[in-house]
């Protein structure tokens, strides 16, 4: 084994995976365009639903600060993060059980590269990035409308944009940690075909502002999905940075922002441990 094989260039490998996926998608351009259109159609139907809601109400919840434009920032953040996850992570996680069933995991284990990296990023679903573009457009439109809400118009500072990008990365990493843990169960269960459904049920809690969970029967859910399974911080922290920049920050908001970074690091470490523990339980398909 050469030194180059001992220390592979992971960025180059990932770019190679992305290029091969794009070539494969462009081989069937009609199917690619149809996937893009169907993804955008689903997005537009959701957007129409919320437009209808805000036609009748001024905000989501009383005195929460989530008016129409603020919520569209939240919604755009949701689509941006979910689009990245759907493009780069979910296609590979869905195929993990097939790798186990067909013996493909044996082949991956023999490669001179980290197994978790290899099975996590070997395929890119480029059509899902259409939602990313749409999310960015909605984000810009909502931010422009918010900026003219005050006099003089509020300016978007570079530091705020960079901080927003940092928490977008944290959100993607938190989702990735959850995906790795769910996919690793395929080694113990033999074939986990309900991964996508379970993923939808769990992440559905992240699609709404956390204020709706902080009263009544929703309070236990707020604790569970904030501090035990940190789903609520994924969208709420970055969206709150841009959606409510004029509101004086409360102490718990800064604490939540710090907790999001700590939770990201802890989740990545824990998911890595779960994956390595699952691999030690793996029995080769040829044995």
C-alpha atoms as a PDB file:
ATOM      1  CA  UNK A   1       0.000   0.000   0.000  1.00  0.00           C
ATOM      2  CA  UNK A   2       1.475   3.353  -1.010  1.00  0.00           C
ATOM      3  CA  UNK A   3       1.534   6.420   1.257  1.00  0.00           C
ATOM      4  CA  UNK A   4      -1.053   8.023  -1.021  1.00  0.00           C
ATOM      5  CA  UNK A   5      -3.411   5.190  -0.217  1.00  0.00           C
ATOM      6  CA  UNK A   6      -2.759   5.519   3.481  1.00  0.00           C
ATOM      7  CA  UNK A   7      -3.783   9.182   3.416  1.00  0.00           C
ATOM      8  CA  UNK A   8      -6.416   9.569   0.702  1.00  0.00           C
ATOM      9  CA  UNK A   9      -7.523  13.020  -0.391  1.00  0.00           C
ATOM     10  CA  UNK A  10     -11.101  12.951   0.891  1.00  0.00           C
ATOM     11  CA  UNK A  11     -12.081  16.137  -0.903  1.00  0.00           C
ATOM     12  CA  UNK A  12     -10.873  14.748  -4.220  1.00  0.00           C
ATOM     13  CA  UNK A  13     -12.715  11.487  -3.582  1.00  0.00           C
ATOM     14  CA  UNK A  14     -15.927  13.340  -2.759  1.00  0.00           C
ATOM     15  CA  UNK A  15     -15.636  15.518  -5.864  1.00  0.00           C
ATOM     16  CA  UNK A  16     -15.123  12.354  -7.901  1.00  0.00           C
ATOM     17  CA  UNK A  17     -18.294  10.863  -6.428  1.00  0.00           C
ATOM     18  CA  UNK A  18     -20.218  14.069  -7.167  1.00  0.00           C
ATOM     19  CA  UNK A  19     -18.933  14.199 -10.754  1.00  0.00           C
ATOM     20  CA  UNK A  20     -19.833  10.560 -11.417  1.00  0.00           C
ATOM     21  CA  UNK A  21     -23.322  11.118  -9.993  1.00  0.00           C
ATOM     22  CA  UNK A  22     -23.815  14.159 -12.222  1.00  0.00           C
ATOM     23  CA  UNK A  23     -22.693  12.203 -15.288  1.00  0.00           C
ATOM     24  CA  UNK A  24     -25.126   9.426 -14.409  1.00  0.00           C
ATOM     25  CA  UNK A  25     -27.982  11.895 -13.950  1.00  0.00           C
ATOM     26  CA  UNK A  26     -27.205  13.675 -17.213  1.00  0.00           C
ATOM     27  CA  UNK A  27     -27.325  10.356 -19.044  1.00  0.00           C
ATOM     28  CA  UNK A  28     -31.087  10.388 -18.442  1.00  0.00           C
ATOM     29  CA  UNK A  29     -31.800  14.106 -18.653  1.00  0.00           C
ATOM     30  CA  UNK A  30     -35.541  13.711 -19.034  1.00  0.00           C
ATOM     31  CA  UNK A  31     -35.738  11.835 -15.747  1.00  0.00           C
ATOM     32  CA  UNK A  32     -33.479  14.419 -14.106  1.00  0.00           C
ATOM     33  CA  UNK A  33     -35.682  17.306 -15.234  1.00  0.00           C
ATOM     34  CA  UNK A  34     -38.808  15.445 -14.119  1.00  0.00           C
ATOM     35  CA  UNK A  35     -37.307  14.932 -10.658  1.00  0.00           C
ATOM     36  CA  UNK A  36     -36.477  18.643 -10.445  1.00  0.00           C
ATOM     37  CA  UNK A  37     -40.008  19.631 -11.489  1.00  0.00           C
ATOM     38  CA  UNK A  38     -41.640  17.218  -9.035  1.00  0.00           C
ATOM     39  CA  UNK A  39     -39.466  18.507  -6.173  1.00  0.00           C
ATOM     40  CA  UNK A  40     -40.327  22.103  -7.003  1.00  0.00           C
ATOM     41  CA  UNK A  41     -44.009  21.245  -7.351  1.00  0.00           C
ATOM     42  CA  UNK A  42     -44.023  19.777  -3.837  1.00  0.00           C
ATOM     43  CA  UNK A  43     -42.280  22.908  -2.556  1.00  0.00           C
ATOM     44  CA  UNK A  44     -44.747  25.242  -4.251  1.00  0.00           C
ATOM     45  CA  UNK A  45     -47.704  23.336  -2.827  1.00  0.00           C
ATOM     46  CA  UNK A  46     -46.273  23.778   0.664  1.00  0.00           C
ATOM     47  CA  UNK A  47     -45.634  27.441   0.005  1.00  0.00           C
ATOM     48  CA  UNK A  48     -49.223  27.885  -1.210  1.00  0.00           C
ATOM     49  CA  UNK A  49     -50.500  26.257   1.981  1.00  0.00           C
ATOM     50  CA  UNK A  50     -48.633  28.762   4.162  1.00  0.00           C
ATOM     51  CA  UNK A  51     -49.663  31.674   1.945  1.00  0.00           C
ATOM     52  CA  UNK A  52     -53.258  30.627   2.584  1.00  0.00           C
ATOM     53  CA  UNK A  53     -52.632  30.476   6.343  1.00  0.00           C
ATOM     54  CA  UNK A  54     -51.135  33.968   6.477  1.00  0.00           C
ATOM     55  CA  UNK A  55     -54.031  35.285   4.444  1.00  0.00           C
ATOM     56  CA  UNK A  56     -56.176  34.618   7.526  1.00  0.00           C
ATOM     57  CA  UNK A  57     -53.728  35.205  10.427  1.00  0.00           C
ATOM     58  CA  UNK A  58     -50.999  37.761  11.147  1.00  0.00           C
ATOM     59  CA  UNK A  59     -48.565  35.454  12.946  1.00  0.00           C
ATOM     60  CA  UNK A  60     -48.058  31.900  14.146  1.00  0.00           C
ATOM     61  CA  UNK A  61     -48.852  32.110  17.842  1.00  0.00           C
ATOM     62  CA  UNK A  62     -49.615  35.183  19.930  1.00  0.00           C
ATOM     63  CA  UNK A  63     -46.642  37.516  20.510  1.00  0.00           C
ATOM     64  CA  UNK A  64     -44.141  34.966  19.166  1.00  0.00           C
ATOM     65  CA  UNK A  65     -42.669  37.300  16.550  1.00  0.00           C
ATOM     66  CA  UNK A  66     -43.226  34.776  13.755  1.00  0.00           C
ATOM     67  CA  UNK A  67     -45.144  36.860  11.246  1.00  0.00           C
ATOM     68  CA  UNK A  68     -45.419  36.013   7.556  1.00  0.00           C
ATOM     69  CA  UNK A  69     -41.964  37.167   6.425  1.00  0.00           C
ATOM     70  CA  UNK A  70     -40.259  35.814   9.540  1.00  0.00           C
ATOM     71  CA  UNK A  71     -41.844  32.433   8.993  1.00  0.00           C
ATOM     72  CA  UNK A  72     -40.834  32.414   5.318  1.00  0.00           C
ATOM     73  CA  UNK A  73     -37.233  32.823   6.490  1.00  0.00           C
ATOM     74  CA  UNK A  74     -37.822  29.836   8.762  1.00  0.00           C
ATOM     75  CA  UNK A  75     -39.402  27.884   5.913  1.00  0.00           C
ATOM     76  CA  UNK A  76     -36.572  28.729   3.513  1.00  0.00           C
ATOM     77  CA  UNK A  77     -34.023  27.591   6.104  1.00  0.00           C
ATOM     78  CA  UNK A  78     -35.893  24.302   6.428  1.00  0.00           C
ATOM     79  CA  UNK A  79     -35.785  23.739   2.667  1.00  0.00           C
ATOM     80  CA  UNK A  80     -32.106  24.689   2.423  1.00  0.00           C
ATOM     81  CA  UNK A  81     -31.023  22.213   5.098  1.00  0.00           C
ATOM     82  CA  UNK A  82     -33.372  19.449   3.969  1.00  0.00           C
ATOM     83  CA  UNK A  83     -32.267  19.875   0.354  1.00  0.00           C
ATOM     84  CA  UNK A  84     -28.617  19.388   1.323  1.00  0.00           C
ATOM     85  CA  UNK A  85     -29.518  16.319   3.374  1.00  0.00           C
ATOM     86  CA  UNK A  86     -31.699  14.875   0.600  1.00  0.00           C
ATOM     87  CA  UNK A  87     -28.992  15.469  -2.011  1.00  0.00           C
ATOM     88  CA  UNK A  88     -25.862  14.229  -0.231  1.00  0.00           C
ATOM     89  CA  UNK A  89     -26.892  12.009   2.680  1.00  0.00           C
ATOM     90  CA  UNK A  90     -30.251  10.248   2.369  1.00  0.00           C
ATOM     91  CA  UNK A  91     -29.592   8.439  -0.970  1.00  0.00           C
ATOM     92  CA  UNK A  92     -26.558   6.724   0.567  1.00  0.00           C
ATOM     93  CA  UNK A  93     -28.265   5.926   3.857  1.00  0.00           C
ATOM     94  CA  UNK A  94     -31.169   4.291   2.017  1.00  0.00           C
ATOM     95  CA  UNK A  95     -28.772   1.995   0.135  1.00  0.00           C
ATOM     96  CA  UNK A  96     -26.858   0.885   3.216  1.00  0.00           C
ATOM     97  CA  UNK A  97     -29.151  -2.034   3.965  1.00  0.00           C
ATOM     98  CA  UNK A  98     -28.769  -3.194   0.347  1.00  0.00           C
ATOM     99  CA  UNK A  99     -24.992  -3.095   0.723  1.00  0.00           C
ATOM    100  CA  UNK A 100     -25.347  -5.441   3.684  1.00  0.00           C
ATOM    101  CA  UNK A 101     -27.781  -7.753   1.926  1.00  0.00           C
ATOM    102  CA  UNK A 102     -25.799  -8.018  -1.313  1.00  0.00           C
ATOM    103  CA  UNK A 103     -22.338  -8.129   0.238  1.00  0.00           C
ATOM    104  CA  UNK A 104     -21.385  -4.675  -1.003  1.00  0.00           C
ATOM    105  CA  UNK A 105     -20.303  -3.706   2.502  1.00  0.00           C
ATOM    106  CA  UNK A 106     -17.547  -6.337   2.279  1.00  0.00           C
ATOM    107  CA  UNK A 107     -16.224  -4.514  -0.765  1.00  0.00           C
ATOM    108  CA  UNK A 108     -16.390  -1.158   1.044  1.00  0.00           C
ATOM    109  CA  UNK A 109     -14.499  -2.523   4.053  1.00  0.00           C
ATOM    110  CA  UNK A 110     -11.614  -3.560   1.808  1.00  0.00           C
ATOM    111  CA  UNK A 111     -11.135  -0.075   0.404  1.00  0.00           C
ATOM    112  CA  UNK A 112      -8.153   1.940   1.752  1.00  0.00           C
ATOM    113  CA  UNK A 113     -10.463   4.733   2.925  1.00  0.00           C
ATOM    114  CA  UNK A 114     -12.683   5.326   5.906  1.00  0.00           C
ATOM    115  CA  UNK A 115     -15.760   3.114   5.563  1.00  0.00           C
ATOM    116  CA  UNK A 116     -18.189   5.626   7.029  1.00  0.00           C
ATOM    117  CA  UNK A 117     -17.028   8.282   4.578  1.00  0.00           C
ATOM    118  CA  UNK A 118     -17.223   5.875   1.648  1.00  0.00           C
ATOM    119  CA  UNK A 119     -20.791   4.769   2.250  1.00  0.00           C
ATOM    120  CA  UNK A 120     -21.979   8.258   3.296  1.00  0.00           C
ATOM    121  CA  UNK A 121     -20.963  10.292   0.254  1.00  0.00           C
ATOM    122  CA  UNK A 122     -20.553   7.965  -2.720  1.00  0.00           C
ATOM    123  CA  UNK A 123     -23.754   9.150  -4.387  1.00  0.00           C
ATOM    124  CA  UNK A 124     -25.228  12.629  -4.913  1.00  0.00           C
ATOM    125  CA  UNK A 125     -28.874  13.236  -5.850  1.00  0.00           C
ATOM    126  CA  UNK A 126     -28.413  16.415  -7.896  1.00  0.00           C
ATOM    127  CA  UNK A 127     -32.121  16.900  -8.645  1.00  0.00           C
ATOM    128  CA  UNK A 128     -32.843  17.513  -4.956  1.00  0.00           C
ATOM    129  CA  UNK A 129     -30.698  20.652  -5.084  1.00  0.00           C
ATOM    130  CA  UNK A 130     -33.509  22.382  -6.970  1.00  0.00           C
ATOM    131  CA  UNK A 131     -35.175  22.902  -3.583  1.00  0.00           C
ATOM    132  CA  UNK A 132     -31.970  24.531  -2.348  1.00  0.00           C
ATOM    133  CA  UNK A 133     -32.169  27.116  -5.123  1.00  0.00           C
ATOM    134  CA  UNK A 134     -35.853  27.743  -4.417  1.00  0.00           C
ATOM    135  CA  UNK A 135     -35.150  28.046  -0.694  1.00  0.00           C
ATOM    136  CA  UNK A 136     -32.436  30.640  -1.315  1.00  0.00           C
ATOM    137  CA  UNK A 137     -34.777  32.660  -3.537  1.00  0.00           C
ATOM    138  CA  UNK A 138     -37.519  32.659  -0.879  1.00  0.00           C
ATOM    139  CA  UNK A 139     -34.957  33.539   1.792  1.00  0.00           C
ATOM    140  CA  UNK A 140     -33.706  36.564  -0.161  1.00  0.00           C
ATOM    141  CA  UNK A 141     -37.238  37.785  -0.922  1.00  0.00           C
ATOM    142  CA  UNK A 142     -38.319  37.448   2.725  1.00  0.00           C
ATOM    143  CA  UNK A 143     -35.166  39.202   3.969  1.00  0.00           C
ATOM    144  CA  UNK A 144     -35.651  42.101   1.542  1.00  0.00           C
ATOM    145  CA  UNK A 145     -39.221  42.543   2.772  1.00  0.00           C
ATOM    146  CA  UNK A 146     -38.059  42.381   6.389  1.00  0.00           C
ATOM    147  CA  UNK A 147     -35.299  44.940   5.799  1.00  0.00           C
ATOM    148  CA  UNK A 148     -37.821  47.613   4.806  1.00  0.00           C
ATOM    149  CA  UNK A 149     -39.931  47.010   7.875  1.00  0.00           C
ATOM    150  CA  UNK A 150     -38.000  49.678   9.796  1.00  0.00           C
ATOM    151  CA  UNK A 151     -36.653  53.157   9.084  1.00  0.00           C
ATOM    152  CA  UNK A 152     -33.843  53.313   8.136  1.00  0.00           C
ATOM    153  CA  UNK A 153     -33.857  49.954   6.320  1.00  0.00           C
ATOM    154  CA  UNK A 154     -32.015  47.214   8.200  1.00  0.00           C
ATOM    155  CA  UNK A 155     -28.786  46.046   6.562  1.00  0.00           C
ATOM    156  CA  UNK A 156     -27.681  42.434   6.520  1.00  0.00           C
ATOM    157  CA  UNK A 157     -24.164  42.341   7.953  1.00  0.00           C
ATOM    158  CA  UNK A 158     -21.522  39.907   6.708  1.00  0.00           C
ATOM    159  CA  UNK A 159     -20.966  38.557  10.205  1.00  0.00           C
ATOM    160  CA  UNK A 160     -24.636  37.619  10.509  1.00  0.00           C
ATOM    161  CA  UNK A 161     -24.534  35.847   7.141  1.00  0.00           C
ATOM    162  CA  UNK A 162     -21.421  33.893   8.164  1.00  0.00           C
ATOM    163  CA  UNK A 163     -23.023  32.955  11.477  1.00  0.00           C
ATOM    164  CA  UNK A 164     -26.139  31.823   9.610  1.00  0.00           C
ATOM    165  CA  UNK A 165     -23.957  29.667   7.354  1.00  0.00           C
ATOM    166  CA  UNK A 166     -22.213  28.173  10.396  1.00  0.00           C
ATOM    167  CA  UNK A 167     -25.520  27.079  11.899  1.00  0.00           C
ATOM    168  CA  UNK A 168     -26.676  25.707   8.553  1.00  0.00           C
ATOM    169  CA  UNK A 169     -23.588  23.469   8.668  1.00  0.00           C
ATOM    170  CA  UNK A 170     -24.408  22.536  12.270  1.00  0.00           C
ATOM    171  CA  UNK A 171     -27.949  21.610  11.237  1.00  0.00           C
ATOM    172  CA  UNK A 172     -26.727  19.411   8.402  1.00  0.00           C
ATOM    173  CA  UNK A 173     -24.238  17.711  10.747  1.00  0.00           C
ATOM    174  CA  UNK A 174     -26.950  17.047  13.325  1.00  0.00           C
ATOM    175  CA  UNK A 175     -29.144  15.480  10.665  1.00  0.00           C
ATOM    176  CA  UNK A 176     -26.149  13.489   9.409  1.00  0.00           C
ATOM    177  CA  UNK A 177     -25.517  12.129  12.908  1.00  0.00           C
ATOM    178  CA  UNK A 178     -29.120  10.980  13.162  1.00  0.00           C
ATOM    179  CA  UNK A 179     -28.965   9.390   9.706  1.00  0.00           C
ATOM    180  CA  UNK A 180     -25.756   7.498  10.552  1.00  0.00           C
ATOM    181  CA  UNK A 181     -27.284   6.128  13.750  1.00  0.00           C
ATOM    182  CA  UNK A 182     -30.464   5.046  11.937  1.00  0.00           C
ATOM    183  CA  UNK A 183     -28.530   3.497   9.043  1.00  0.00           C
ATOM    184  CA  UNK A 184     -26.219   1.607  11.404  1.00  0.00           C
ATOM    185  CA  UNK A 185     -29.216  -0.263  12.780  1.00  0.00           C
ATOM    186  CA  UNK A 186     -29.345  -2.108   9.455  1.00  0.00           C
ATOM    187  CA  UNK A 187     -26.352  -4.149  10.600  1.00  0.00           C
ATOM    188  CA  UNK A 188     -28.240  -5.349  13.672  1.00  0.00           C
ATOM    189  CA  UNK A 189     -31.676  -5.629  12.068  1.00  0.00           C
ATOM    190  CA  UNK A 190     -30.485  -7.233   8.855  1.00  0.00           C
ATOM    191  CA  UNK A 191     -32.529  -4.999   6.576  1.00  0.00           C
ATOM    192  CA  UNK A 192     -33.977  -1.672   7.664  1.00  0.00           C
ATOM    193  CA  UNK A 193     -36.432  -0.639   4.944  1.00  0.00           C
ATOM    194  CA  UNK A 194     -38.373   1.808   7.137  1.00  0.00           C
ATOM    195  CA  UNK A 195     -35.459   4.256   7.478  1.00  0.00           C
ATOM    196  CA  UNK A 196     -37.009   6.948   5.315  1.00  0.00           C
ATOM    197  CA  UNK A 197     -40.407   6.765   7.059  1.00  0.00           C
ATOM    198  CA  UNK A 198     -38.850   6.906  10.522  1.00  0.00           C
ATOM    199  CA  UNK A 199     -36.675   9.798   9.405  1.00  0.00           C
ATOM    200  CA  UNK A 200     -39.762  11.739   8.284  1.00  0.00           C
ATOM    201  CA  UNK A 201     -41.608  11.153  11.567  1.00  0.00           C
ATOM    202  CA  UNK A 202     -38.676  12.267  13.724  1.00  0.00           C
ATOM    203  CA  UNK A 203     -37.643  15.328  11.704  1.00  0.00           C
ATOM    204  CA  UNK A 204     -41.240  16.509  11.352  1.00  0.00           C
ATOM    205  CA  UNK A 205     -40.824  18.149  14.772  1.00  0.00           C
ATOM    206  CA  UNK A 206     -38.098  20.447  13.385  1.00  0.00           C
ATOM    207  CA  UNK A 207     -40.367  22.023  10.774  1.00  0.00           C
ATOM    208  CA  UNK A 208     -42.038  24.503  13.128  1.00  0.00           C
ATOM    209  CA  UNK A 209     -40.873  27.285  15.487  1.00  0.00           C
ATOM    210  CA  UNK A 210     -40.111  25.913  18.931  1.00  0.00           C
ATOM    211  CA  UNK A 211     -42.464  28.435  20.588  1.00  0.00           C
ATOM    212  CA  UNK A 212     -45.441  26.238  19.704  1.00  0.00           C
ATOM    213  CA  UNK A 213     -44.023  23.467  21.919  1.00  0.00           C
ATOM    214  CA  UNK A 214     -43.227  25.620  24.969  1.00  0.00           C
ATOM    215  CA  UNK A 215     -46.687  25.600  26.543  1.00  0.00           C
ATOM    216  CA  UNK A 216     -49.114  22.959  27.782  1.00  0.00           C
ATOM    217  CA  UNK A 217     -48.734  19.416  26.513  1.00  0.00           C
ATOM    218  CA  UNK A 218     -46.044  20.460  24.073  1.00  0.00           C
ATOM    219  CA  UNK A 219     -43.550  21.262  26.834  1.00  0.00           C
ATOM    220  CA  UNK A 220     -42.324  17.643  27.275  1.00  0.00           C
ATOM    221  CA  UNK A 221     -41.797  17.457  23.501  1.00  0.00           C
ATOM    222  CA  UNK A 222     -39.809  20.693  23.651  1.00  0.00           C
ATOM    223  CA  UNK A 223     -37.469  19.243  26.289  1.00  0.00           C
ATOM    224  CA  UNK A 224     -37.069  15.915  24.500  1.00  0.00           C
ATOM    225  CA  UNK A 225     -36.443  17.317  21.015  1.00  0.00           C
ATOM    226  CA  UNK A 226     -34.208  20.122  22.235  1.00  0.00           C
ATOM    227  CA  UNK A 227     -31.960  18.567  24.870  1.00  0.00           C
ATOM    228  CA  UNK A 228     -32.174  14.775  24.371  1.00  0.00           C
ATOM    229  CA  UNK A 229     -32.632  14.516  20.618  1.00  0.00           C
ATOM    230  CA  UNK A 230     -31.683  18.058  19.473  1.00  0.00           C
ATOM    231  CA  UNK A 231     -33.993  18.266  16.478  1.00  0.00           C
ATOM    232  CA  UNK A 232     -35.575  21.621  17.262  1.00  0.00           C
ATOM    233  CA  UNK A 233     -32.280  23.545  17.274  1.00  0.00           C
ATOM    234  CA  UNK A 234     -31.495  22.520  13.686  1.00  0.00           C
ATOM    235  CA  UNK A 235     -33.834  25.018  12.020  1.00  0.00           C
ATOM    236  CA  UNK A 236     -34.754  27.336  14.876  1.00  0.00           C
ATOM    237  CA  UNK A 237     -31.260  28.629  15.653  1.00  0.00           C
ATOM    238  CA  UNK A 238     -30.188  29.735  12.136  1.00  0.00           C
ATOM    239  CA  UNK A 239     -33.679  30.941  11.176  1.00  0.00           C
ATOM    240  CA  UNK A 240     -33.963  33.052  14.326  1.00  0.00           C
ATOM    241  CA  UNK A 241     -30.683  34.815  13.462  1.00  0.00           C
ATOM    242  CA  UNK A 242     -32.122  36.259  10.258  1.00  0.00           C
ATOM    243  CA  UNK A 243     -35.855  36.283  10.938  1.00  0.00           C
ATOM    244  CA  UNK A 244     -35.724  38.271  14.181  1.00  0.00           C
ATOM    245  CA  UNK A 245     -32.549  40.386  13.973  1.00  0.00           C
ATOM    246  CA  UNK A 246     -34.240  43.495  15.395  1.00  0.00           C
ATOM    247  CA  UNK A 247     -35.560  41.847  18.543  1.00  0.00           C
ATOM    248  CA  UNK A 248     -33.246  42.188  21.579  1.00  0.00           C
ATOM    249  CA  UNK A 249     -31.740  38.800  22.277  1.00  0.00           C
ATOM    250  CA  UNK A 250     -32.807  37.024  25.439  1.00  0.00           C
ATOM    251  CA  UNK A 251     -30.368  35.052  27.547  1.00  0.00           C
ATOM    252  CA  UNK A 252     -31.869  31.684  26.632  1.00  0.00           C
ATOM    253  CA  UNK A 253     -31.360  32.404  22.916  1.00  0.00           C
ATOM    254  CA  UNK A 254     -27.604  32.830  23.331  1.00  0.00           C
ATOM    255  CA  UNK A 255     -27.550  29.698  25.455  1.00  0.00           C
ATOM    256  CA  UNK A 256     -29.459  27.817  22.774  1.00  0.00           C
ATOM    257  CA  UNK A 257     -26.990  28.974  20.112  1.00  0.00           C
ATOM    258  CA  UNK A 258     -24.077  27.704  22.199  1.00  0.00           C
ATOM    259  CA  UNK A 259     -25.895  24.462  22.927  1.00  0.00           C
ATOM    260  CA  UNK A 260     -26.420  23.908  19.171  1.00  0.00           C
ATOM    261  CA  UNK A 261     -22.658  23.875  18.561  1.00  0.00           C
ATOM    262  CA  UNK A 262     -22.012  21.606  21.560  1.00  0.00           C
ATOM    263  CA  UNK A 263     -24.819  19.264  20.484  1.00  0.00           C
ATOM    264  CA  UNK A 264     -23.386  19.092  16.968  1.00  0.00           C
ATOM    265  CA  UNK A 265     -19.957  18.026  18.204  1.00  0.00           C
ATOM    266  CA  UNK A 266     -21.408  15.523  20.678  1.00  0.00           C
ATOM    267  CA  UNK A 267     -23.783  14.073  18.060  1.00  0.00           C
ATOM    268  CA  UNK A 268     -20.983  13.560  15.522  1.00  0.00           C
ATOM    269  CA  UNK A 269     -18.858  11.786  18.122  1.00  0.00           C
ATOM    270  CA  UNK A 270     -21.768   9.626  19.284  1.00  0.00           C
ATOM    271  CA  UNK A 271     -22.833   8.678  15.726  1.00  0.00           C
ATOM    272  CA  UNK A 272     -19.234   7.744  14.919  1.00  0.00           C
ATOM    273  CA  UNK A 273     -19.155   5.489  17.981  1.00  0.00           C
ATOM    274  CA  UNK A 274     -22.477   3.861  17.019  1.00  0.00           C
ATOM    275  CA  UNK A 275     -21.277   3.214  13.470  1.00  0.00           C
ATOM    276  CA  UNK A 276     -17.977   1.700  14.595  1.00  0.00           C
ATOM    277  CA  UNK A 277     -19.784  -0.406  17.187  1.00  0.00           C
ATOM    278  CA  UNK A 278     -22.187  -1.654  14.521  1.00  0.00           C
ATOM    279  CA  UNK A 279     -19.332  -2.538  12.168  1.00  0.00           C
ATOM    280  CA  UNK A 280     -17.764  -4.717  14.860  1.00  0.00           C
ATOM    281  CA  UNK A 281     -21.026  -6.685  14.926  1.00  0.00           C
ATOM    282  CA  UNK A 282     -21.094  -7.123  11.155  1.00  0.00           C
ATOM    283  CA  UNK A 283     -20.882 -10.664   9.816  1.00  0.00           C
ATOM    284  CA  UNK A 284     -19.548 -10.855   6.272  1.00  0.00           C
ATOM    285  CA  UNK A 285     -22.039 -11.898   3.613  1.00  0.00           C
ATOM    286  CA  UNK A 286     -19.495 -14.456   2.371  1.00  0.00           C
ATOM    287  CA  UNK A 287     -19.097 -16.102   5.775  1.00  0.00           C
END
